[in-house]
N, C-alpha and C. Protein backbone atom coordinates (compact mmCIF):
# COMPACT_ATOMS: atom_id res chain seq x y z
N MET A 1 -15.34 -0.41 -33.05
CA MET A 1 -14.19 0.76 -33.08
C MET A 1 -13.57 0.84 -31.90
N LYS A 2 -13.61 0.88 -30.74
CA LYS A 2 -12.75 0.29 -29.25
C LYS A 2 -12.00 -0.72 -30.18
N HIS A 3 -12.40 -1.64 -30.46
CA HIS A 3 -11.01 -2.75 -30.94
C HIS A 3 -10.43 -1.74 -32.22
N LEU A 4 -10.65 -0.56 -31.81
CA LEU A 4 -10.07 -0.23 -33.75
C LEU A 4 -8.95 0.49 -33.34
N SER A 5 -9.43 1.42 -32.18
CA SER A 5 -8.99 2.22 -31.66
C SER A 5 -7.57 1.97 -31.43
N ILE A 6 -7.79 0.70 -30.80
CA ILE A 6 -6.88 0.19 -29.76
C ILE A 6 -5.28 -0.44 -30.69
N VAL A 7 -6.11 -1.32 -31.66
CA VAL A 7 -5.23 -1.41 -32.63
C VAL A 7 -4.37 -0.29 -33.69
N PHE A 8 -4.73 0.73 -34.10
CA PHE A 8 -4.05 2.29 -34.14
C PHE A 8 -3.27 2.58 -33.15
N PHE A 9 -3.78 3.19 -32.50
CA PHE A 9 -2.66 2.74 -31.11
C PHE A 9 -1.15 2.34 -30.68
N LEU A 10 -2.03 0.64 -30.94
CA LEU A 10 -0.27 -0.10 -30.52
C LEU A 10 0.31 0.52 -31.66
N LEU A 11 -0.74 0.19 -33.38
CA LEU A 11 0.84 -0.05 -34.17
C LEU A 11 1.29 2.06 -34.14
N PHE A 12 0.89 2.21 -33.75
CA PHE A 12 0.90 3.58 -33.44
C PHE A 12 2.13 3.84 -32.81
N ALA A 13 2.95 3.27 -32.06
CA ALA A 13 3.44 3.71 -31.03
C ALA A 13 4.78 2.59 -31.19
N VAL A 14 4.58 1.30 -32.30
CA VAL A 14 5.52 0.68 -32.78
C VAL A 14 6.27 1.67 -33.55
N VAL A 15 5.60 2.32 -34.37
CA VAL A 15 6.17 3.50 -35.43
C VAL A 15 6.77 3.89 -35.02
N VAL A 16 6.52 4.73 -33.87
CA VAL A 16 6.53 5.88 -33.54
C VAL A 16 8.22 5.46 -32.90
N TYR A 17 8.53 4.50 -32.01
CA TYR A 17 9.08 3.97 -31.37
C TYR A 17 10.38 3.78 -32.32
N ALA A 18 9.95 3.14 -33.29
CA ALA A 18 11.22 2.83 -35.01
C ALA A 18 11.80 3.92 -35.57
N GLN A 19 11.63 5.01 -34.75
CA GLN A 19 12.40 6.00 -35.87
C GLN A 19 13.30 6.24 -34.96
N PRO A 20 14.03 6.39 -36.19
CA PRO A 20 16.20 6.66 -35.82
C PRO A 20 15.73 7.94 -35.16
N GLY A 21 16.62 8.23 -34.63
CA GLY A 21 16.77 9.31 -33.26
C GLY A 21 17.80 10.07 -34.68
N ALA A 22 17.69 11.74 -34.75
CA ALA A 22 18.07 12.21 -35.55
C ALA A 22 19.57 12.96 -35.01
N PRO A 23 20.94 13.67 -35.82
CA PRO A 23 21.13 14.17 -34.62
C PRO A 23 20.84 15.44 -35.17
N GLY A 24 21.09 15.81 -34.02
CA GLY A 24 20.51 17.56 -33.48
C GLY A 24 21.80 18.67 -32.49
N PRO A 25 21.38 20.17 -32.63
CA PRO A 25 22.56 20.50 -31.80
C PRO A 25 23.08 20.13 -29.97
N ASP A 26 24.00 20.09 -29.84
CA ASP A 26 24.25 19.95 -28.51
C ASP A 26 23.16 20.32 -27.59
N PRO A 27 22.99 19.77 -26.53
CA PRO A 27 22.12 19.91 -25.33
C PRO A 27 22.07 21.40 -24.53
N VAL A 28 20.32 21.59 -24.36
CA VAL A 28 21.32 23.43 -23.63
C VAL A 28 21.31 23.24 -22.03
N PRO A 29 22.12 23.60 -21.78
CA PRO A 29 22.39 23.24 -19.85
C PRO A 29 20.99 24.27 -19.85
N LEU A 30 20.16 23.69 -18.57
CA LEU A 30 19.42 24.28 -17.57
C LEU A 30 19.71 24.84 -16.74
N ASP A 31 20.81 25.44 -16.69
CA ASP A 31 20.70 26.46 -15.59
C ASP A 31 19.96 27.80 -15.26
N GLY A 32 20.34 28.38 -15.69
CA GLY A 32 19.96 29.71 -14.75
C GLY A 32 18.69 30.04 -14.98
N GLY A 33 17.91 29.95 -15.63
CA GLY A 33 16.69 30.29 -15.93
C GLY A 33 15.84 28.51 -14.85
N LEU A 34 16.30 27.71 -14.83
CA LEU A 34 15.48 27.34 -14.25
C LEU A 34 15.60 27.32 -12.38
N ILE A 35 17.22 27.21 -12.21
CA ILE A 35 16.83 27.74 -10.57
C ILE A 35 16.25 28.80 -10.81
N ALA A 36 16.57 29.84 -11.56
CA ALA A 36 15.71 32.16 -10.88
C ALA A 36 14.48 31.28 -10.32
N LEU A 37 13.32 29.95 -10.98
CA LEU A 37 12.49 30.10 -11.51
C LEU A 37 11.93 29.19 -10.33
N LEU A 38 12.61 28.02 -9.60
CA LEU A 38 13.17 27.41 -8.64
C LEU A 38 12.96 27.80 -7.80
N ALA A 39 13.60 29.02 -7.37
CA ALA A 39 13.98 30.37 -6.38
C ALA A 39 12.24 30.84 -6.18
N ALA A 40 11.43 31.33 -7.36
CA ALA A 40 10.83 32.66 -6.65
C ALA A 40 9.70 30.88 -7.01
N GLY A 41 9.24 29.81 -6.97
CA GLY A 41 8.30 29.56 -6.77
C GLY A 41 8.40 28.42 -5.05
N ALA A 42 9.74 28.40 -4.64
CA ALA A 42 10.13 28.95 -3.42
C ALA A 42 9.37 29.69 -2.43
N ALA A 43 10.16 30.96 -3.17
CA ALA A 43 9.78 32.23 -2.07
C ALA A 43 8.20 32.22 -2.12
N TYR A 44 7.39 32.02 -3.92
CA TYR A 44 5.79 32.47 -3.88
C TYR A 44 5.30 31.55 -2.93
N GLY A 45 5.79 30.31 -2.80
CA GLY A 45 5.17 29.24 -1.62
C GLY A 45 5.17 29.19 -0.37
N ALA A 46 6.62 30.37 0.50
CA ALA A 46 6.99 30.46 1.42
C ALA A 46 5.68 31.38 2.00
N LYS A 47 5.63 32.48 0.89
CA LYS A 47 4.63 33.00 1.42
C LYS A 47 3.53 33.06 1.62
N LYS A 48 3.13 32.07 0.25
CA LYS A 48 1.44 31.72 0.57
C LYS A 48 1.18 31.00 2.39
N TYR A 49 2.84 29.87 2.51
CA TYR A 49 2.23 29.19 3.77
C TYR A 49 2.10 30.01 4.72
N ARG A 50 2.96 31.40 4.54
CA ARG A 50 3.07 32.04 6.33
C ARG A 50 2.16 32.62 6.10
N ASN A 51 0.99 33.09 5.27
CA ASN A 51 -0.58 33.76 4.51
C ASN A 51 -1.13 32.86 5.43
N ASN A 52 -1.19 31.67 4.88
CA ASN A 52 -2.20 30.55 5.74
C ASN A 52 -2.22 30.81 6.82
N GLN A 53 -0.78 30.37 7.62
CA GLN A 53 -0.55 29.84 9.45
C GLN A 53 -1.15 31.92 10.38
N GLU A 54 -1.22 32.25 9.40
CA GLU A 54 -1.60 33.43 10.01
C GLU A 54 -3.29 34.21 10.45
N ASN A 55 -4.06 33.26 9.74
CA ASN A 55 -5.10 32.54 9.14
C ASN A 55 -6.12 32.40 10.59
């Protein structure tokens, strides 16, 4: 059973790799929302760090 699953995953990887790239819409820039999430995460991390330093 172990050998069968290994062979399956190896063949599956070859099939997935062999698929042609589908033309799609232009990529979406991740400027506004991603920067806001990074800033919020940094602020939250700084707050947690300061709270841990007080204890």
